[in-house]
Amino acid sequence: MAQRSPQELLSELRTYLMHFEQTGHLGETSTVAEIKRRLQERIGEVEAALGSDSPRKMPVSAPPTTEELRSGVAS
């Protein structure tokens, strides 16, 4: 499995966030709010790593599954 670049990860996270912001039929409002909060937090982490002057590598993780997003365990 090929690893994604931080830019690809950032694009993916933003796509997930846009989906949750535009979809009103996903269920419990507090769950959706938590998923959006976690996506925003992760986007901030990736943006900070991309803007960092240090040469550290971004940890690459698999995108959250639909079930993880629904259950709120994706981070």
N, C-alpha and C. Protein backbone atom coordinates (compact mmCIF):
# COMPACT_ATOMS: atom_id res chain seq x y z
N MET A 1 0.84 -1.18 0.00
CA MET A 1 0.00 0.00 0.00
C MET A 1 0.89 1.24 0.00
N ALA A 2 0.63 2.14 -0.91
CA ALA A 2 1.42 3.35 -1.01
C ALA A 2 1.02 4.34 0.07
N GLN A 3 2.01 5.06 0.58
CA GLN A 3 1.72 6.07 1.60
C GLN A 3 1.33 7.37 0.92
N ARG A 4 0.40 8.06 1.55
CA ARG A 4 -0.04 9.35 1.03
C ARG A 4 0.88 10.45 1.49
N SER A 5 1.01 11.45 0.67
CA SER A 5 1.76 12.63 1.07
C SER A 5 0.90 13.44 2.04
N PRO A 6 1.53 14.31 2.82
CA PRO A 6 0.73 15.16 3.71
C PRO A 6 -0.29 16.00 2.95
N GLN A 7 0.05 16.43 1.74
CA GLN A 7 -0.89 17.21 0.95
C GLN A 7 -2.11 16.37 0.56
N GLU A 8 -1.88 15.10 0.21
CA GLU A 8 -2.99 14.21 -0.12
C GLU A 8 -3.87 13.96 1.10
N LEU A 9 -3.23 13.76 2.26
CA LEU A 9 -3.97 13.55 3.50
C LEU A 9 -4.82 14.77 3.82
N LEU A 10 -4.24 15.95 3.68
CA LEU A 10 -4.96 17.19 3.95
C LEU A 10 -6.17 17.32 3.03
N SER A 11 -5.99 17.02 1.77
CA SER A 11 -7.10 17.08 0.81
C SER A 11 -8.20 16.10 1.20
N GLU A 12 -7.81 14.90 1.60
CA GLU A 12 -8.79 13.90 2.01
C GLU A 12 -9.57 14.34 3.24
N LEU A 13 -8.87 14.87 4.23
CA LEU A 13 -9.53 15.33 5.45
C LEU A 13 -10.50 16.46 5.14
N ARG A 14 -10.09 17.39 4.29
CA ARG A 14 -10.97 18.50 3.92
C ARG A 14 -12.20 17.99 3.17
N THR A 15 -12.02 16.95 2.33
CA THR A 15 -13.15 16.36 1.62
C THR A 15 -14.13 15.74 2.61
N TYR A 16 -13.62 15.01 3.60
CA TYR A 16 -14.49 14.43 4.63
C TYR A 16 -15.26 15.52 5.37
N LEU A 17 -14.54 16.58 5.75
CA LEU A 17 -15.18 17.67 6.49
C LEU A 17 -16.28 18.32 5.65
N MET A 18 -16.00 18.57 4.38
CA MET A 18 -16.99 19.18 3.50
C MET A 18 -18.22 18.27 3.40
N HIS A 19 -18.01 16.98 3.32
CA HIS A 19 -19.12 16.03 3.27
C HIS A 19 -20.01 16.17 4.51
N PHE A 20 -19.39 16.22 5.68
CA PHE A 20 -20.16 16.32 6.91
C PHE A 20 -20.84 17.68 7.06
N GLU A 21 -20.25 18.71 6.50
CA GLU A 21 -20.86 20.03 6.57
C GLU A 21 -22.04 20.15 5.60
N GLN A 22 -22.02 19.39 4.51
CA GLN A 22 -23.05 19.51 3.50
C GLN A 22 -24.15 18.45 3.62
N THR A 23 -23.96 17.46 4.45
CA THR A 23 -24.92 16.37 4.57
C THR A 23 -25.68 16.50 5.87
N GLY A 24 -26.97 16.66 5.77
CA GLY A 24 -27.79 16.84 6.95
C GLY A 24 -28.49 15.59 7.44
N HIS A 25 -28.33 14.47 6.77
CA HIS A 25 -29.08 13.27 7.12
C HIS A 25 -28.24 12.21 7.82
N LEU A 26 -27.17 12.59 8.45
CA LEU A 26 -26.24 11.60 9.01
C LEU A 26 -26.59 11.14 10.41
N GLY A 27 -27.60 11.66 11.00
CA GLY A 27 -27.98 11.16 12.30
C GLY A 27 -27.81 12.19 13.40
N GLU A 28 -27.46 11.69 14.57
CA GLU A 28 -27.40 12.51 15.78
C GLU A 28 -26.48 13.71 15.61
N THR A 29 -26.99 14.87 15.90
CA THR A 29 -26.26 16.12 15.72
C THR A 29 -24.97 16.16 16.53
N SER A 30 -24.99 15.68 17.77
CA SER A 30 -23.78 15.73 18.59
C SER A 30 -22.68 14.83 18.03
N THR A 31 -23.06 13.71 17.44
CA THR A 31 -22.08 12.80 16.84
C THR A 31 -21.43 13.45 15.63
N VAL A 32 -22.24 14.06 14.78
CA VAL A 32 -21.72 14.74 13.60
C VAL A 32 -20.82 15.90 14.02
N ALA A 33 -21.22 16.63 15.03
CA ALA A 33 -20.40 17.74 15.53
C ALA A 33 -19.05 17.24 16.03
N GLU A 34 -19.03 16.11 16.71
CA GLU A 34 -17.78 15.54 17.21
C GLU A 34 -16.89 15.10 16.05
N ILE A 35 -17.46 14.48 15.06
CA ILE A 35 -16.68 14.05 13.89
C ILE A 35 -16.07 15.28 13.21
N LYS A 36 -16.87 16.32 13.02
CA LYS A 36 -16.37 17.54 12.40
C LYS A 36 -15.26 18.16 13.23
N ARG A 37 -15.43 18.17 14.55
CA ARG A 37 -14.40 18.72 15.43
C ARG A 37 -13.09 17.95 15.27
N ARG A 38 -13.18 16.64 15.24
CA ARG A 38 -11.97 15.83 15.10
C ARG A 38 -11.31 16.01 13.74
N LEU A 39 -12.11 16.14 12.70
CA LEU A 39 -11.56 16.40 11.38
C LEU A 39 -10.85 17.75 11.35
N GLN A 40 -11.47 18.77 11.94
CA GLN A 40 -10.85 20.10 11.99
C GLN A 40 -9.54 20.06 12.78
N GLU A 41 -9.54 19.31 13.86
CA GLU A 41 -8.33 19.17 14.67
C GLU A 41 -7.21 18.51 13.86
N ARG A 42 -7.55 17.45 13.16
CA ARG A 42 -6.55 16.72 12.37
C ARG A 42 -6.06 17.58 11.21
N ILE A 43 -6.96 18.34 10.59
CA ILE A 43 -6.56 19.26 9.51
C ILE A 43 -5.55 20.27 10.05
N GLY A 44 -5.81 20.80 11.23
CA GLY A 44 -4.87 21.74 11.86
C GLY A 44 -3.51 21.12 12.11
N GLU A 45 -3.51 19.86 12.54
CA GLU A 45 -2.25 19.16 12.78
C GLU A 45 -1.45 18.99 11.49
N VAL A 46 -2.13 18.59 10.42
CA VAL A 46 -1.46 18.38 9.14
C VAL A 46 -0.96 19.72 8.59
N GLU A 47 -1.80 20.76 8.69
CA GLU A 47 -1.38 22.08 8.22
C GLU A 47 -0.16 22.57 9.00
N ALA A 48 -0.15 22.33 10.30
CA ALA A 48 0.98 22.76 11.12
C ALA A 48 2.24 22.00 10.72
N ALA A 49 2.10 20.72 10.45
CA ALA A 49 3.26 19.92 10.04
C ALA A 49 3.77 20.36 8.67
N LEU A 50 2.87 20.71 7.78
CA LEU A 50 3.28 21.19 6.47
C LEU A 50 3.98 22.54 6.56
N GLY A 51 3.55 23.36 7.50
CA GLY A 51 4.14 24.68 7.66
C GLY A 51 5.36 24.71 8.55
N SER A 52 5.66 23.59 9.15
CA SER A 52 6.78 23.51 10.07
C SER A 52 8.11 23.59 9.34
N ASP A 53 9.06 24.25 9.96
CA ASP A 53 10.41 24.34 9.38
C ASP A 53 11.23 23.09 9.68
N SER A 54 10.78 22.31 10.64
CA SER A 54 11.55 21.12 11.00
C SER A 54 11.32 20.02 9.96
N PRO A 55 12.32 19.18 9.74
CA PRO A 55 12.21 18.15 8.72
C PRO A 55 11.52 16.87 9.18
N ARG A 56 10.73 16.93 10.24
CA ARG A 56 10.07 15.72 10.72
C ARG A 56 9.04 15.22 9.73
N LYS A 57 8.82 13.93 9.75
CA LYS A 57 7.86 13.32 8.84
C LYS A 57 6.48 13.33 9.45
N MET A 58 5.48 13.47 8.59
CA MET A 58 4.09 13.37 9.02
C MET A 58 3.75 11.91 9.24
N PRO A 59 3.10 11.55 10.33
CA PRO A 59 2.62 10.18 10.45
C PRO A 59 1.51 9.96 9.45
N VAL A 60 1.57 8.84 8.78
CA VAL A 60 0.56 8.54 7.78
C VAL A 60 -0.37 7.49 8.34
N SER A 61 -1.64 7.80 8.34
CA SER A 61 -2.61 6.84 8.83
C SER A 61 -3.67 6.63 7.77
N ALA A 62 -4.33 5.51 7.86
CA ALA A 62 -5.40 5.21 6.92
C ALA A 62 -6.57 6.13 7.19
N PRO A 63 -7.32 6.48 6.15
CA PRO A 63 -8.48 7.32 6.38
C PRO A 63 -9.49 6.56 7.23
N PRO A 64 -10.27 7.28 8.01
CA PRO A 64 -11.25 6.60 8.85
C PRO A 64 -12.31 5.92 8.00
N THR A 65 -12.77 4.79 8.47
CA THR A 65 -13.86 4.10 7.78
C THR A 65 -15.16 4.82 8.07
N THR A 66 -16.17 4.53 7.28
CA THR A 66 -17.48 5.13 7.50
C THR A 66 -17.98 4.80 8.89
N GLU A 67 -17.76 3.56 9.31
CA GLU A 67 -18.21 3.15 10.66
C GLU A 67 -17.47 3.93 11.74
N GLU A 68 -16.17 4.14 11.57
CA GLU A 68 -15.42 4.92 12.55
C GLU A 68 -15.92 6.36 12.60
N LEU A 69 -16.22 6.92 11.42
CA LEU A 69 -16.74 8.28 11.38
C LEU A 69 -18.09 8.36 12.07
N ARG A 70 -18.92 7.39 11.84
CA ARG A 70 -20.25 7.39 12.48
C ARG A 70 -20.16 7.20 13.98
N SER A 71 -19.22 6.35 14.41
CA SER A 71 -19.13 6.08 15.84
C SER A 71 -18.33 7.14 16.58
N GLY A 72 -17.62 8.00 15.81
CA GLY A 72 -16.86 9.08 16.44
C GLY A 72 -15.51 8.66 16.96
N VAL A 73 -15.00 7.48 16.54
CA VAL A 73 -13.70 7.04 17.03
C VAL A 73 -12.56 7.45 16.12
N ALA A 74 -12.83 7.97 14.96
CA ALA A 74 -11.77 8.41 14.06
C ALA A 74 -11.11 9.65 14.62
N SER A 75 -9.80 9.68 14.61
CA SER A 75 -9.11 10.88 15.07
C SER A 75 -7.90 11.16 14.24
